[in-house]
Amino acid sequence: MSEVKISKWLPWIGAMAIFMQSLDGTILNTALPSIAHNLNKSPLEMQSIIIAYTLTLALLIPLSGWLSDKFGSRNIFILAVAIFTIGSLACALSTSLSMLIAMRIVQAIGGSMMVPVSRLVLIYVYPKNQLLKIINFVTMPGLVGPVIGPTLGGWLVEVASWHWIFLINLPIGILGIVLAWKIVPNYKRLKGPFDFKGLFLFSIGLVLLSLSLEFAGDGLAGGTSIFLLFILGIILLRIYVYYSKRTSDPLVNLNLLKIRTLRIGLIGNLVTRLGIGGVPFMLPLMLQVGFGKSPTVSGMMLIFSAITTIIAKSWVVPLVKYFGYRKLLMYNTFFLGLAISCFALPNRETSLLWLIPILVVYGAFNSVQMASMNSIALADLTPEGASGGNTMLSVMQQLSISFGISLSAMILRTYTAIPMFNSVSGAFKASFLTLGIITLLSAFTFKFLKPQDGSEMSGNRLK
């Protein structure tokens, strides 16, 4: 296989991987109320289906880089797509919430390798001065998922059943396996034994932290139990920090955090997504449960945000080049927080036409945020640190989504229990205002960037 073929077609494989994940997630968000009704559960208690998936991704993504370098990028990518596809079929065959959650975990095992390995191959193939352009290109086709996902999900649950939101992954997965076999290079790099002790400490610590937020969100445990889970999670993660500094090849190389752009990019992903992460989960619920709209109408409304997200992707490179990462991320995060707060303005009687401008503005700022925030984290990685840095970014993205959904569910549950919010729609409005404020405050994270950070990737040369 020639380098020309790899350079020309390889980004489309990464785009297909992102498309499968984004389509799966956006379809599921719209279908949650219907799934809840079919499984005799409350729509406000369905976040576990999403959290089980995102948390599993976060826990297993560190393994993906090692597997790719040890056994070959093509081999692991094909295995990942196959597991994801089989997991999708198993989800469609689920007959209870517990079974569906378990099959989502199977699906996530494939997803934990699918996107990170495809992105790692891109980092290996393309020079740094082309990487921002390539990453931006890869995410754009993948954003077709959020465009068609909400409407397709709403339509499927009305004309057929929620099971079909998983079945549509089957033909895409089969096509992805065939194309990957022909296109994806089989990069291998020498790797020692895997750090299973580190995986245990790191994974269990993250699980306990996530469970503490999850239990706080749905009221499954008392305050003391939640506090103990949180503290124990922190202790295990602190032990991992101590352990990783004394092992030669740790699961997550914390020495990479000495790279300022990676460190700030990771922290920015975490704190910013605490507010952003719950929005895709909350919006369909507000439209259907709070405002009484149908799944199809709910899905169609979300198209406006998704289309704007795609359009705004073409702005990222010139915006970063003009403003630099520091200014762009600070201002963009601030305005993104304001946009999220504006979702608190409509109520049950408001025409949905007034919601469209908010969705458009939110989609634009969110698009710029994700692309610039992710690329600055990768800006100063060396080829030797590419795999570890890419793994850390992928873990932080999924972990922050899980935390964001858990936090939004906890906030919604808290407001629902307060008498002054005497309606479900009122609790949603207060929750969006809170998420907006959290996002707005996270803008200060990017103040610690320097004006020239990421200039090699962006082409910005401001002094």
Protein backbone atom coordinates (compact mmCIF):
# COMPACT_ATOMS: atom_id res chain seq x y z
CA MET A 1 0.00 0.00 0.00
CA SER A 2 1.46 3.32 -1.01
CA GLU A 3 1.76 6.41 1.15
CA VAL A 4 -0.37 8.31 -1.40
CA LYS A 5 -3.31 6.00 -0.83
CA ILE A 6 -2.92 6.23 2.93
CA SER A 7 -2.81 10.03 2.88
CA LYS A 8 -5.83 10.27 0.60
CA TRP A 9 -8.28 7.81 2.15
CA LEU A 10 -7.15 7.24 5.72
CA PRO A 11 -8.99 10.28 7.19
CA TRP A 12 -12.28 8.85 5.95
CA ILE A 13 -11.79 5.74 8.09
CA GLY A 14 -11.36 7.96 11.15
CA ALA A 15 -14.44 9.90 10.10
CA MET A 16 -16.45 6.68 9.79
CA ALA A 17 -15.43 5.62 13.32
CA ILE A 18 -16.49 8.98 14.74
CA PHE A 19 -19.69 8.84 12.69
CA MET A 20 -20.67 5.47 14.20
CA GLN A 21 -20.14 6.72 17.74
CA SER A 22 -21.83 10.09 17.21
CA LEU A 23 -24.82 8.54 15.42
CA ASP A 24 -25.21 5.97 18.20
CA GLY A 25 -25.12 8.62 20.91
CA THR A 26 -27.42 11.19 19.32
CA ILE A 27 -30.04 8.63 18.29
CA LEU A 28 -30.03 7.23 21.83
CA ASN A 29 -30.52 10.63 23.48
CA THR A 30 -33.74 11.24 21.54
CA ALA A 31 -35.03 7.72 22.17
CA LEU A 32 -34.48 7.64 25.95
CA PRO A 33 -38.08 8.53 26.91
CA SER A 34 -39.43 5.81 24.60
CA ILE A 35 -36.96 3.26 25.96
CA ALA A 36 -37.98 4.25 29.49
CA HIS A 37 -41.66 3.76 28.67
CA ASN A 38 -41.01 0.36 27.07
CA LEU A 39 -38.92 -0.83 30.02
CA ASN A 40 -41.28 0.68 32.65
CA LYS A 41 -38.74 3.19 33.95
CA SER A 42 -38.80 6.96 34.53
CA PRO A 43 -37.28 9.05 31.69
CA LEU A 44 -35.33 10.99 34.32
CA GLU A 45 -33.55 7.80 35.44
CA MET A 46 -32.17 6.67 32.08
CA GLN A 47 -28.76 8.33 32.26
CA SER A 48 -27.19 5.01 33.28
CA ILE A 49 -27.47 3.80 29.67
CA ILE A 50 -25.21 6.63 28.53
CA ILE A 51 -22.93 6.71 31.57
CA ALA A 52 -22.22 2.96 31.39
CA TYR A 53 -21.03 3.47 27.83
CA THR A 54 -18.92 6.60 28.35
CA LEU A 55 -17.37 5.34 31.60
CA THR A 56 -16.38 2.04 29.97
CA LEU A 57 -14.77 4.05 27.17
CA ALA A 58 -12.78 6.08 29.67
CA LEU A 59 -11.61 2.99 31.55
CA LEU A 60 -10.51 0.94 28.54
CA ILE A 61 -9.13 3.64 26.23
CA PRO A 62 -5.67 3.42 27.93
CA LEU A 63 -5.54 -0.20 26.79
CA SER A 64 -6.24 0.79 23.17
CA GLY A 65 -2.92 2.55 22.60
CA TRP A 66 -0.92 -0.38 23.98
CA LEU A 67 -2.92 -2.93 21.98
CA SER A 68 -2.50 -0.89 18.78
CA ASP A 69 1.26 -0.53 19.20
CA LYS A 70 1.66 -4.17 20.28
CA PHE A 71 -0.54 -6.03 17.78
CA GLY A 72 -0.92 -3.54 14.92
CA SER A 73 -3.25 -0.62 14.29
CA ARG A 74 -5.21 -2.31 11.49
CA ASN A 75 -5.75 -5.51 13.47
CA ILE A 76 -7.02 -3.71 16.58
CA PHE A 77 -9.17 -1.28 14.63
CA ILE A 78 -10.96 -4.11 12.80
CA LEU A 79 -11.44 -5.98 16.09
CA ALA A 80 -12.86 -2.81 17.66
CA VAL A 81 -15.40 -2.23 14.89
CA ALA A 82 -16.45 -5.89 15.05
CA ILE A 83 -17.05 -5.77 18.81
CA PHE A 84 -18.94 -2.48 18.49
CA THR A 85 -21.17 -3.95 15.78
CA ILE A 86 -21.87 -7.16 17.73
CA GLY A 87 -22.60 -5.04 20.83
CA SER A 88 -25.09 -2.99 18.82
CA LEU A 89 -26.95 -6.17 17.83
CA ALA A 90 -26.97 -7.32 21.45
CA CYS A 91 -28.40 -3.95 22.56
CA ALA A 92 -31.25 -4.34 20.07
CA LEU A 93 -32.05 -7.77 21.53
CA SER A 94 -32.13 -6.51 25.14
CA THR A 95 -35.36 -7.04 27.09
CA SER A 96 -34.60 -5.16 30.33
CA LEU A 97 -32.74 -2.07 31.47
CA SER A 98 -30.07 -4.16 33.20
CA MET A 99 -29.49 -6.19 30.05
CA LEU A 100 -29.36 -3.06 27.90
CA ILE A 101 -26.78 -1.47 30.21
CA ALA A 102 -24.67 -4.65 30.09
CA MET A 103 -24.79 -4.75 26.29
CA ARG A 104 -23.91 -1.07 26.12
CA ILE A 105 -20.76 -1.98 28.02
CA VAL A 106 -19.96 -4.60 25.36
CA GLN A 107 -20.55 -1.96 22.70
CA ALA A 108 -18.24 0.41 24.57
CA ILE A 109 -15.43 -2.16 24.64
CA GLY A 110 -15.30 -1.84 20.87
CA GLY A 111 -15.77 1.91 20.96
CA SER A 112 -12.88 2.30 23.42
CA MET A 113 -10.48 1.14 20.71
CA MET A 114 -12.27 2.30 17.55
CA VAL A 115 -11.87 6.09 17.66
CA PRO A 116 -8.57 6.34 19.62
CA VAL A 117 -6.77 3.90 17.32
CA SER A 118 -7.98 5.69 14.18
CA ARG A 119 -6.81 9.03 15.61
CA LEU A 120 -3.48 7.55 16.69
CA VAL A 121 -2.84 6.35 13.13
CA LEU A 122 -3.46 9.89 11.86
CA ILE A 123 -0.95 11.25 14.36
CA TYR A 124 1.62 8.72 13.13
CA VAL A 125 0.98 9.41 9.43
CA TYR A 126 0.64 13.19 9.15
CA PRO A 127 3.23 15.87 10.02
CA LYS A 128 2.38 18.30 12.79
CA ASN A 129 1.78 21.25 10.46
CA GLN A 130 -1.04 19.29 8.75
CA LEU A 131 -2.54 17.77 11.88
CA LEU A 132 -5.03 20.53 12.78
CA LYS A 133 -6.39 20.47 9.23
CA ILE A 134 -6.65 16.65 9.23
CA ILE A 135 -8.29 16.46 12.67
CA ASN A 136 -10.76 19.13 11.62
CA PHE A 137 -11.55 17.23 8.41
CA VAL A 138 -12.03 13.93 10.24
CA THR A 139 -14.50 15.40 12.70
CA MET A 140 -16.59 17.09 10.00
CA PRO A 141 -17.90 13.91 8.29
CA GLY A 142 -18.35 12.44 11.74
CA LEU A 143 -20.71 15.30 12.58
CA VAL A 144 -23.24 13.98 10.09
CA GLY A 145 -24.26 11.65 12.92
CA PRO A 146 -25.63 14.45 15.10
CA VAL A 147 -27.46 15.91 12.09
CA ILE A 148 -29.44 12.81 11.17
CA GLY A 149 -29.29 11.06 14.54
CA PRO A 150 -31.89 13.00 16.57
CA THR A 151 -34.53 13.05 13.82
CA LEU A 152 -33.81 9.47 12.75
CA GLY A 153 -34.02 8.31 16.35
CA GLY A 154 -37.30 10.12 16.96
CA TRP A 155 -38.76 8.81 13.71
CA LEU A 156 -37.66 5.22 14.34
CA VAL A 157 -39.19 5.01 17.81
CA GLU A 158 -42.50 6.36 16.45
CA VAL A 159 -42.84 4.25 13.28
CA ALA A 160 -41.03 1.11 14.49
CA SER A 161 -39.35 0.66 17.89
CA TRP A 162 -36.27 1.82 19.78
CA HIS A 163 -34.46 -1.43 18.90
CA TRP A 164 -33.80 -0.11 15.39
CA ILE A 165 -31.57 2.68 16.69
CA PHE A 166 -28.96 -0.01 17.34
CA LEU A 167 -29.65 -2.21 14.32
CA ILE A 168 -28.65 0.53 11.86
CA ASN A 169 -25.06 0.23 13.14
CA LEU A 170 -24.77 -3.23 11.58
CA PRO A 171 -24.31 -2.30 7.89
CA ILE A 172 -22.04 0.63 8.78
CA GLY A 173 -19.87 -1.63 10.91
CA ILE A 174 -19.56 -4.29 8.20
CA LEU A 175 -18.58 -1.65 5.63
CA GLY A 176 -16.03 -0.20 8.06
CA ILE A 177 -14.36 -3.60 8.55
CA VAL A 178 -14.03 -4.15 4.79
CA LEU A 179 -12.58 -0.69 4.14
CA ALA A 180 -10.22 -0.82 7.12
CA TRP A 181 -8.72 -4.07 5.89
CA LYS A 182 -7.77 -2.34 2.62
CA ILE A 183 -6.81 1.13 3.87
CA VAL A 184 -5.60 1.27 7.49
CA PRO A 185 -1.82 0.71 7.87
CA ASN A 186 -0.76 -1.89 10.42
CA TYR A 187 1.64 0.17 12.53
CA LYS A 188 3.45 -1.69 15.30
CA ARG A 189 5.81 -0.26 17.88
CA LEU A 190 7.78 -2.18 20.46
CA LYS A 191 5.85 -2.45 23.71
CA GLY A 192 6.59 -4.10 27.03
CA PRO A 193 4.07 -5.89 29.25
CA PHE A 194 0.82 -4.08 29.93
CA ASP A 195 0.43 -2.30 33.27
CA PHE A 196 -2.53 -4.24 34.67
CA LYS A 197 -1.84 -3.06 38.23
CA GLY A 198 -2.04 0.53 37.02
CA LEU A 199 -5.24 -0.26 35.10
CA PHE A 200 -6.81 -1.62 38.29
CA LEU A 201 -5.92 1.42 40.41
CA PHE A 202 -6.81 3.93 37.69
CA SER A 203 -10.04 2.23 36.58
CA ILE A 204 -11.47 1.45 40.01
CA GLY A 205 -10.71 4.97 41.16
CA LEU A 206 -12.57 6.46 38.19
CA VAL A 207 -15.47 4.02 38.62
CA LEU A 208 -15.92 5.01 42.26
CA LEU A 209 -15.83 8.72 41.41
CA SER A 210 -18.40 8.23 38.65
CA LEU A 211 -20.65 6.07 40.86
CA SER A 212 -20.62 8.72 43.57
CA LEU A 213 -21.99 11.25 41.06
CA GLU A 214 -24.38 8.72 39.55
CA PHE A 215 -25.84 7.74 42.92
CA ALA A 216 -26.15 11.41 43.87
CA GLY A 217 -28.03 12.02 40.63
CA ASP A 218 -30.62 9.26 40.96
CA GLY A 219 -30.84 8.95 44.74
CA LEU A 220 -29.77 5.30 44.90
CA ALA A 221 -27.58 5.85 47.97
CA GLY A 222 -27.41 8.05 51.03
CA GLY A 223 -25.08 10.99 51.54
CA THR A 224 -22.61 9.03 53.66
CA SER A 225 -22.24 6.24 51.10
CA ILE A 226 -21.80 8.75 48.27
CA PHE A 227 -19.13 10.62 50.24
CA LEU A 228 -17.25 7.40 51.05
CA LEU A 229 -17.30 6.30 47.40
CA PHE A 230 -15.95 9.70 46.34
CA ILE A 231 -13.15 9.71 48.95
CA LEU A 232 -12.15 6.12 48.17
CA GLY A 233 -11.99 6.97 44.46
CA ILE A 234 -9.71 9.92 45.20
CA ILE A 235 -7.48 7.73 47.40
CA LEU A 236 -7.07 5.08 44.68
CA LEU A 237 -6.23 7.71 42.07
CA ARG A 238 -3.71 9.25 44.45
CA ILE A 239 -2.14 5.81 44.94
CA TYR A 240 -1.93 5.49 41.16
CA VAL A 241 -0.06 8.81 40.94
CA TYR A 242 2.46 7.50 43.48
CA TYR A 243 2.69 4.13 41.69
CA SER A 244 3.06 5.56 38.17
CA LYS A 245 6.11 7.58 39.16
CA ARG A 246 7.86 4.40 40.30
CA THR A 247 7.18 2.13 37.35
CA SER A 248 9.06 2.16 34.06
CA ASP A 249 6.09 1.86 31.70
CA PRO A 250 2.92 3.09 33.46
CA LEU A 251 -0.60 2.80 32.06
CA VAL A 252 -0.92 6.60 31.88
CA ASN A 253 2.42 8.40 31.75
CA LEU A 254 1.84 11.36 34.05
CA ASN A 255 5.21 12.83 33.02
CA LEU A 256 3.45 13.97 29.84
CA LEU A 257 1.53 16.45 31.99
CA LYS A 258 4.72 18.50 32.13
CA ILE A 259 3.78 19.57 28.59
CA ARG A 260 1.78 22.72 29.35
CA THR A 261 -0.52 22.61 26.31
CA LEU A 262 -1.45 18.98 26.99
CA ARG A 263 -2.02 19.67 30.68
CA ILE A 264 -4.24 22.70 30.10
CA GLY A 265 -6.05 20.98 27.22
CA LEU A 266 -6.91 18.03 29.47
CA ILE A 267 -8.02 20.19 32.39
CA GLY A 268 -10.02 22.37 30.00
CA ASN A 269 -11.76 19.31 28.56
CA LEU A 270 -12.75 18.17 32.05
CA VAL A 271 -14.05 21.40 33.54
CA THR A 272 -15.67 22.72 30.35
CA ARG A 273 -17.48 19.45 29.62
CA LEU A 274 -18.93 19.40 33.13
CA GLY A 275 -21.36 21.98 31.79
CA ILE A 276 -21.43 20.97 28.12
CA GLY A 277 -21.57 17.21 28.67
CA GLY A 278 -25.12 17.20 29.99
CA VAL A 279 -26.64 19.33 27.21
CA PRO A 280 -27.20 16.54 24.62
CA PHE A 281 -28.78 14.46 27.38
CA MET A 282 -30.94 17.27 28.79
CA LEU A 283 -32.27 18.89 25.61
CA PRO A 284 -34.32 15.92 24.28
CA LEU A 285 -35.63 15.27 27.78
CA MET A 286 -36.71 18.91 28.22
CA LEU A 287 -38.47 18.96 24.85
CA GLN A 288 -40.28 15.65 25.40
CA VAL A 289 -40.80 15.42 29.18
CA GLY A 290 -40.81 19.12 30.04
CA PHE A 291 -42.54 20.59 26.97
CA GLY A 292 -44.54 17.54 25.86
CA LYS A 293 -43.18 17.39 22.30
CA SER A 294 -43.01 14.17 20.25
CA PRO A 295 -39.71 12.32 19.69
CA THR A 296 -39.74 13.32 16.01
CA VAL A 297 -40.23 17.02 16.77
CA SER A 298 -37.56 16.83 19.45
CA GLY A 299 -35.12 15.27 17.01
CA MET A 300 -35.88 17.77 14.26
CA MET A 301 -35.17 20.70 16.58
CA LEU A 302 -31.71 19.38 17.35
CA ILE A 303 -30.82 19.38 13.64
CA PHE A 304 -30.33 23.16 13.75
CA SER A 305 -27.56 22.82 16.30
CA ALA A 306 -25.93 19.91 14.46
CA ILE A 307 -25.89 21.64 11.06
CA THR A 308 -24.39 24.79 12.58
CA THR A 309 -21.75 22.63 14.23
CA ILE A 310 -20.67 21.32 10.82
CA ILE A 311 -20.65 24.78 9.23
CA ALA A 312 -18.62 26.26 12.08
CA LYS A 313 -15.94 23.59 11.70
CA SER A 314 -14.66 25.44 8.64
CA TRP A 315 -14.11 28.52 10.83
CA VAL A 316 -11.81 26.80 13.33
CA VAL A 317 -8.50 26.95 11.45
CA PRO A 318 -8.77 30.65 10.43
CA LEU A 319 -10.05 31.63 13.89
CA VAL A 320 -7.19 29.87 15.67
CA LYS A 321 -4.71 31.37 13.21
CA TYR A 322 -6.07 34.88 13.78
CA PHE A 323 -6.68 34.90 17.55
CA GLY A 324 -4.35 32.16 18.80
CA TYR A 325 -5.53 29.38 21.08
CA ARG A 326 -5.47 31.38 24.32
CA LYS A 327 -7.77 34.22 23.29
CA LEU A 328 -10.06 32.04 21.20
CA LEU A 329 -10.66 29.45 23.93
CA MET A 330 -11.21 32.03 26.67
CA TYR A 331 -13.75 34.06 24.69
CA ASN A 332 -15.43 31.11 23.02
CA THR A 333 -15.94 29.23 26.31
CA PHE A 334 -17.48 32.35 27.87
CA PHE A 335 -19.99 32.81 25.05
CA LEU A 336 -20.70 29.06 24.96
CA GLY A 337 -21.73 29.29 28.62
CA LEU A 338 -24.07 32.17 27.80
CA ALA A 339 -25.60 30.14 24.96
CA ILE A 340 -26.29 27.19 27.28
CA SER A 341 -27.87 29.53 29.82
CA CYS A 342 -30.26 30.75 27.12
CA PHE A 343 -31.90 27.31 27.01
CA ALA A 344 -33.52 28.40 30.28
CA LEU A 345 -35.54 31.10 28.45
CA PRO A 346 -38.22 29.05 26.59
CA ASN A 347 -41.09 27.41 28.43
CA ARG A 348 -43.90 25.01 27.57
CA GLU A 349 -45.97 27.76 25.91
CA THR A 350 -43.10 29.30 23.93
CA SER A 351 -43.09 28.69 20.19
CA LEU A 352 -40.27 26.37 19.20
CA LEU A 353 -39.25 28.94 16.60
CA TRP A 354 -37.69 30.98 19.41
CA LEU A 355 -35.52 28.01 20.33
CA ILE A 356 -33.89 27.82 16.89
CA PRO A 357 -31.56 30.87 17.28
CA ILE A 358 -30.32 29.50 20.60
CA LEU A 359 -29.61 26.11 19.04
CA VAL A 360 -27.76 27.74 16.14
CA VAL A 361 -25.57 29.88 18.41
CA TYR A 362 -24.90 26.95 20.74
CA GLY A 363 -23.91 24.69 17.81
CA ALA A 364 -21.45 27.25 16.43
CA PHE A 365 -19.64 27.95 19.70
CA ASN A 366 -19.65 24.28 20.68
CA SER A 367 -18.06 23.31 17.36
CA VAL A 368 -15.21 25.80 17.73
CA GLN A 369 -14.76 24.76 21.35
CA MET A 370 -14.35 21.04 20.70
CA ALA A 371 -11.95 21.35 17.76
CA SER A 372 -9.70 24.00 19.29
CA MET A 373 -9.72 22.44 22.78
CA ASN A 374 -8.74 19.01 21.45
CA SER A 375 -6.08 20.20 19.03
CA ILE A 376 -4.25 22.39 21.57
CA ALA A 377 -3.88 19.31 23.78
CA LEU A 378 -2.03 17.54 20.94
CA ALA A 379 -0.06 20.58 19.77
CA ASP A 380 3.30 19.93 21.45
CA LEU A 381 3.39 16.12 21.59
CA THR A 382 6.49 14.42 20.24
CA PRO A 383 6.21 11.20 18.17
CA GLU A 384 7.35 9.28 21.26
CA GLY A 385 4.61 10.82 23.39
CA ALA A 386 1.88 10.75 20.74
CA SER A 387 0.31 7.48 21.85
CA GLY A 388 0.28 8.39 25.55
CA GLY A 389 -0.98 11.94 24.96
CA ASN A 390 -3.69 10.78 22.57
CA THR A 391 -4.79 8.17 25.14
CA MET A 392 -4.95 10.74 27.93
CA LEU A 393 -7.03 13.09 25.78
CA SER A 394 -9.46 10.31 24.81
CA VAL A 395 -9.84 9.21 28.44
CA MET A 396 -10.47 12.76 29.62
CA GLN A 397 -13.07 13.37 26.90
CA GLN A 398 -15.14 10.31 27.78
CA LEU A 399 -14.68 10.71 31.52
CA SER A 400 -15.78 14.33 31.40
CA ILE A 401 -18.88 13.38 29.36
CA SER A 402 -19.76 10.78 31.98
CA PHE A 403 -19.23 13.29 34.78
CA GLY A 404 -21.19 15.94 32.87
CA ILE A 405 -24.23 13.67 32.43
CA SER A 406 -24.09 12.55 36.06
CA LEU A 407 -23.78 16.15 37.23
CA SER A 408 -26.66 17.36 35.05
CA ALA A 409 -28.87 14.50 36.32
CA MET A 410 -27.98 15.39 39.89
CA ILE A 411 -28.72 19.08 39.29
CA LEU A 412 -32.05 18.25 37.64
CA ARG A 413 -33.04 15.91 40.45
CA THR A 414 -32.13 18.56 43.04
CA TYR A 415 -34.24 21.26 41.38
CA THR A 416 -37.15 18.85 40.89
CA ALA A 417 -37.25 18.29 44.67
CA ILE A 418 -37.36 22.04 45.47
CA PRO A 419 -40.95 23.32 45.96
CA MET A 420 -40.35 26.67 44.25
CA PHE A 421 -39.75 24.78 40.98
CA ASN A 422 -43.31 23.53 40.87
CA SER A 423 -43.10 22.01 37.39
CA VAL A 424 -40.75 19.72 35.50
CA SER A 425 -40.12 22.40 32.90
CA GLY A 426 -39.13 24.84 35.67
CA ALA A 427 -36.54 22.37 36.96
CA PHE A 428 -35.12 22.00 33.45
CA LYS A 429 -34.84 25.79 33.08
CA ALA A 430 -32.96 26.12 36.36
CA SER A 431 -30.70 23.21 35.43
CA PHE A 432 -29.70 24.76 32.10
CA LEU A 433 -28.94 28.06 33.81
CA THR A 434 -26.68 26.24 36.26
CA LEU A 435 -24.89 24.32 33.49
CA GLY A 436 -24.35 27.57 31.62
CA ILE A 437 -22.75 29.23 34.64
CA ILE A 438 -20.45 26.23 35.15
CA THR A 439 -19.33 26.45 31.51
CA LEU A 440 -18.88 30.21 31.68
CA LEU A 441 -16.61 29.93 34.74
CA SER A 442 -14.52 27.21 33.06
CA ALA A 443 -13.27 29.84 30.56
CA PHE A 444 -10.68 30.93 33.12
CA THR A 445 -8.91 27.56 32.70
CA PHE A 446 -7.51 28.70 29.34
CA LYS A 447 -6.06 31.88 30.82
CA PHE A 448 -3.02 29.79 31.76
CA LEU A 449 -2.14 29.23 28.10
CA LYS A 450 0.54 31.49 26.62
CA PRO A 451 -0.21 33.56 23.50
CA GLN A 452 2.21 31.49 21.39
CA ASP A 453 1.02 28.07 22.58
CA GLY A 454 0.06 25.90 19.63
CA SER A 455 1.56 28.32 17.08
CA GLU A 456 3.37 25.53 15.21
CA MET A 457 0.06 23.79 14.62
CA SER A 458 -2.11 26.86 13.98
CA GLY A 459 0.33 29.12 12.13
CA ASN A 460 -0.40 31.97 14.55
CA ARG A 461 2.75 33.97 15.28
CA LEU A 462 1.50 36.66 17.66
CA LYS A 463 4.15 37.96 20.03
